[in-house]
N, C-alpha and C. Protein backbone atom coordinates (compact mmCIF):
# COMPACT_ATOMS: atom_id res chain seq x y z
N MET A 1 63.07 -36.55 71.25
CA MET A 1 61.72 -35.73 71.53
C MET A 1 62.33 -34.16 72.85
N PRO A 2 62.23 -32.98 72.62
CA PRO A 2 62.40 -31.46 73.47
C PRO A 2 61.45 -31.73 74.39
N THR A 3 61.69 -31.17 75.92
CA THR A 3 61.06 -31.32 76.46
C THR A 3 61.29 -29.88 77.29
N THR A 4 59.46 -29.82 77.75
CA THR A 4 59.22 -28.27 78.41
C THR A 4 60.44 -27.42 79.26
N LEU A 5 61.17 -28.07 79.67
CA LEU A 5 62.82 -27.05 80.76
C LEU A 5 63.55 -27.31 78.69
N ASP A 6 63.48 -27.91 78.53
CA ASP A 6 64.65 -27.98 76.98
C ASP A 6 64.19 -26.47 76.23
N LEU A 7 62.77 -25.82 76.35
CA LEU A 7 62.06 -25.71 75.50
C LEU A 7 62.08 -23.66 76.03
N GLY A 8 61.73 -23.92 77.70
CA GLY A 8 62.43 -22.86 78.45
C GLY A 8 64.16 -22.15 78.57
N ASN A 9 64.92 -22.79 78.04
CA ASN A 9 66.06 -23.12 78.12
C ASN A 9 66.19 -22.01 76.09
N PHE A 10 65.22 -22.65 75.43
CA PHE A 10 65.75 -21.96 74.33
C PHE A 10 65.98 -20.75 74.47
N PHE A 11 64.61 -19.71 75.34
CA PHE A 11 64.09 -18.57 74.89
C PHE A 11 65.30 -17.62 75.96
N LEU A 12 66.13 -18.66 77.59
CA LEU A 12 67.05 -17.80 77.95
C LEU A 12 67.91 -17.89 77.29
N PHE A 13 68.70 -19.20 76.32
CA PHE A 13 69.78 -19.11 74.44
C PHE A 13 69.96 -17.68 74.82
N ILE A 14 68.47 -17.69 74.09
CA ILE A 14 68.33 -16.45 72.85
C ILE A 14 67.84 -15.32 74.20
N SER A 15 67.81 -14.65 75.69
CA SER A 15 68.12 -13.62 76.26
C SER A 15 69.00 -13.00 75.82
N GLY A 16 69.89 -14.38 76.89
CA GLY A 16 72.07 -14.76 77.10
C GLY A 16 73.04 -13.56 75.75
N PHE A 17 72.26 -14.41 73.93
CA PHE A 17 73.51 -13.44 72.89
C PHE A 17 72.23 -12.01 73.23
N LEU A 18 71.02 -11.85 73.40
CA LEU A 18 70.79 -10.59 73.20
C LEU A 18 71.60 -9.37 74.34
N MET A 19 71.38 -10.49 75.55
CA MET A 19 72.14 -9.75 76.82
C MET A 19 73.27 -9.18 76.34
N ILE A 20 73.99 -10.06 75.68
CA ILE A 20 75.26 -10.39 76.07
C ILE A 20 75.51 -9.01 74.91
N ARG A 21 75.14 -8.55 73.49
CA ARG A 21 74.98 -7.95 72.49
C ARG A 21 74.64 -6.73 73.48
N THR A 22 74.27 -5.87 74.11
CA THR A 22 73.05 -5.01 75.17
C THR A 22 74.78 -4.60 75.61
N ALA A 23 75.26 -5.03 76.01
CA ALA A 23 76.48 -4.93 77.13
C ALA A 23 77.46 -4.78 75.79
N TYR A 24 77.90 -5.24 75.14
CA TYR A 24 79.21 -5.03 73.99
C TYR A 24 78.77 -3.45 73.62
N ARG A 25 77.58 -2.86 73.03
CA ARG A 25 77.35 -2.39 72.38
C ARG A 25 77.19 -0.81 73.89
N ASP A 26 77.29 -1.31 74.83
CA ASP A 26 76.70 0.06 76.00
C ASP A 26 78.51 -1.14 77.62
N ARG A 27 78.81 -1.09 77.84
CA ARG A 27 79.60 -1.42 78.94
C ARG A 27 78.83 -0.33 80.29
N GLN A 28 78.83 0.51 79.88
CA GLN A 28 77.91 1.00 81.01
C GLN A 28 76.60 0.58 81.44
N VAL A 29 75.83 -0.87 80.87
CA VAL A 29 75.04 -1.50 81.05
C VAL A 29 75.25 -1.70 82.35
N LEU A 30 76.84 -2.55 82.52
CA LEU A 30 77.54 -3.56 83.66
C LEU A 30 77.09 -2.91 84.54
N LYS A 31 77.55 -1.71 84.75
CA LYS A 31 77.98 -1.26 86.67
C LYS A 31 76.25 -0.90 87.20
N GLY A 32 75.24 -1.32 86.40
CA GLY A 32 73.54 -0.83 86.98
C GLY A 32 73.51 -2.00 88.49
N TYR A 33 73.94 -3.45 87.89
CA TYR A 33 73.82 -4.50 88.16
C TYR A 33 74.54 -4.72 90.17
N ASP A 34 73.63 -5.40 90.97
CA ASP A 34 74.15 -6.03 92.58
C ASP A 34 75.40 -6.77 92.20
N LEU A 35 76.48 -6.76 92.80
CA LEU A 35 77.05 -7.45 92.88
C LEU A 35 76.99 -8.66 93.56
N ALA A 36 75.95 -8.74 95.20
CA ALA A 36 75.70 -9.56 95.46
C ALA A 36 74.84 -10.96 94.75
N GLY A 37 73.87 -9.99 94.48
CA GLY A 37 72.75 -10.89 92.69
C GLY A 37 72.77 -11.18 92.29
N SER A 38 73.84 -11.12 91.78
CA SER A 38 74.51 -11.05 90.53
C SER A 38 75.46 -12.79 90.49
N LEU A 39 76.38 -12.60 91.88
CA LEU A 39 76.58 -13.78 92.18
C LEU A 39 76.02 -15.05 93.08
N LEU A 40 75.24 -14.21 93.52
CA LEU A 40 73.49 -15.18 93.53
C LEU A 40 72.91 -16.00 92.81
N LEU A 41 72.99 -15.02 91.48
CA LEU A 41 72.15 -15.39 90.29
C LEU A 41 73.65 -16.03 89.45
N ALA A 42 74.49 -15.86 88.97
CA ALA A 42 75.58 -16.66 88.73
C ALA A 42 75.96 -18.78 88.85
N THR A 43 75.47 -18.29 90.32
CA THR A 43 75.82 -19.59 91.61
C THR A 43 74.51 -20.11 91.17
N GLY A 44 73.64 -20.19 91.73
CA GLY A 44 72.66 -20.21 90.53
C GLY A 44 71.94 -20.93 89.57
N ILE A 45 72.89 -20.44 88.67
CA ILE A 45 72.66 -21.21 87.08
C ILE A 45 73.99 -22.17 87.61
N THR A 46 74.63 -21.81 88.29
CA THR A 46 76.03 -22.67 87.52
C THR A 46 75.54 -23.80 88.86
N PHE A 47 74.48 -24.42 89.41
CA PHE A 47 74.43 -25.85 90.03
C PHE A 47 72.82 -26.52 88.73
N ALA A 48 72.29 -24.81 88.76
CA ALA A 48 71.64 -26.00 87.37
C ALA A 48 72.32 -26.94 86.37
N LEU A 49 73.51 -26.10 86.37
CA LEU A 49 74.64 -26.66 85.06
C LEU A 49 74.95 -27.82 85.38
N ILE A 50 75.23 -27.92 86.47
CA ILE A 50 75.19 -29.60 87.50
C ILE A 50 74.47 -30.14 87.93
N PHE A 51 72.76 -29.79 87.68
CA PHE A 51 71.62 -30.69 88.12
C PHE A 51 71.74 -31.04 86.46
N TYR A 52 71.62 -29.84 84.77
CA TYR A 52 71.63 -30.98 83.73
C TYR A 52 72.70 -32.07 83.60
N ALA A 53 74.40 -31.82 83.67
CA ALA A 53 74.47 -32.81 83.87
C ALA A 53 74.79 -34.01 84.62
N GLU A 54 74.23 -33.55 85.42
CA GLU A 54 73.62 -34.97 86.07
C GLU A 54 72.74 -36.20 85.59
N MET A 55 71.85 -35.33 84.82
CA MET A 55 70.04 -35.60 83.96
C MET A 55 70.51 -35.78 82.73
N GLY A 56 71.62 -35.81 82.30
CA GLY A 56 72.06 -35.84 81.37
C GLY A 56 71.44 -35.06 80.47
N TYR A 57 70.51 -33.95 80.23
CA TYR A 57 69.76 -32.73 79.66
C TYR A 57 70.98 -32.10 78.97
N TRP A 58 71.76 -32.30 78.15
CA TRP A 58 72.91 -31.91 76.83
C TRP A 58 71.96 -30.86 76.58
N LEU A 59 71.04 -30.59 76.22
CA LEU A 59 70.76 -29.72 75.47
C LEU A 59 71.13 -28.76 76.52
N SER A 60 69.65 -29.21 77.49
CA SER A 60 69.36 -27.76 77.99
C SER A 60 70.84 -26.94 78.81
N ILE A 61 71.57 -28.01 78.96
CA ILE A 61 73.07 -27.64 79.26
C ILE A 61 74.10 -26.50 77.57
N LEU A 62 73.85 -26.74 76.53
CA LEU A 62 73.86 -26.47 75.99
C LEU A 62 73.16 -25.25 75.93
N LEU A 63 71.99 -24.82 75.87
CA LEU A 63 71.35 -23.97 75.55
C LEU A 63 71.10 -22.64 76.85
N THR A 64 71.25 -22.73 77.71
CA THR A 64 71.89 -22.24 78.80
C THR A 64 73.33 -21.81 79.42
N LEU A 65 73.91 -21.95 78.14
CA LEU A 65 75.58 -21.36 78.15
C LEU A 65 75.69 -20.57 77.72
N PRO A 66 75.45 -19.44 77.17
CA PRO A 66 75.92 -17.87 76.63
C PRO A 66 75.22 -17.18 77.24
N ASN A 67 73.47 -17.65 78.37
CA ASN A 67 72.98 -16.74 79.54
C ASN A 67 74.40 -17.11 81.03
N TYR A 68 74.18 -17.76 81.12
CA TYR A 68 74.97 -17.96 82.12
C TYR A 68 76.31 -16.98 82.17
N CYS A 69 77.52 -17.39 80.86
CA CYS A 69 78.57 -16.80 79.55
C CYS A 69 78.14 -14.95 81.07
N TYR A 70 77.12 -14.33 80.18
CA TYR A 70 77.35 -13.14 80.06
C TYR A 70 76.68 -12.73 81.67
N TRP A 71 76.03 -14.12 82.88
CA TRP A 71 76.46 -13.31 84.28
C TRP A 71 78.28 -13.29 84.94
N LEU A 72 78.55 -14.47 83.99
CA LEU A 72 80.05 -14.13 84.81
C LEU A 72 81.09 -13.42 84.48
N VAL A 73 80.01 -12.74 83.20
CA VAL A 73 81.31 -11.25 82.66
C VAL A 73 80.84 -10.06 83.71
N VAL A 74 79.10 -9.75 84.08
CA VAL A 74 79.04 -9.24 84.92
C VAL A 74 79.01 -8.93 86.39
N VAL A 75 79.23 -10.46 86.95
CA VAL A 75 80.06 -11.07 88.42
C VAL A 75 81.99 -10.54 87.35
N ALA A 76 82.14 -10.26 86.71
CA ALA A 76 83.80 -9.72 86.78
C ALA A 76 83.66 -8.25 86.46
N SER A 77 83.07 -7.89 85.90
CA SER A 77 82.89 -6.32 85.76
C SER A 77 82.56 -5.85 86.90
N LEU A 78 81.10 -6.06 88.09
CA LEU A 78 81.74 -5.73 88.87
C LEU A 78 83.09 -5.27 90.18
N LEU A 79 83.64 -6.99 89.85
CA LEU A 79 84.75 -6.76 90.73
C LEU A 79 85.14 -6.42 90.44
N SER A 80 85.34 -6.78 88.87
CA SER A 80 87.01 -5.22 88.80
C SER A 80 86.48 -3.82 88.96
N ALA A 81 85.08 -2.98 88.37
CA ALA A 81 85.44 -1.82 89.36
C ALA A 81 84.69 -2.26 90.70
N ARG A 82 84.71 -2.76 91.01
CA ARG A 82 85.03 -2.93 93.02
C ARG A 82 86.92 -2.58 93.35
N ARG A 83 87.43 -2.44 92.41
CA ARG A 83 89.31 -2.84 92.77
C ARG A 83 89.37 -1.29 92.02
N ASN A 84 88.75 -0.83 91.31
CA ASN A 84 89.37 0.48 91.42
C ASN A 84 88.59 1.79 91.62
């Protein structure tokens, strides 16, 4: 039976794909993010995923992955832009 957490993560799942689509269409959008804030957000999602795994919330892990991947791309993009 899905929980309220699964429902919330379902919305994150959809938003993750929408953000990935936006970034794919216009890569300039990735330059508007703050590196420190993006790192903190990616770190927070990492710990949430670890908690989900510890609790056995496998559906929540699956639903959170697109959003997590998006923020990893944002961080990588910001780090890459910083080096150039």
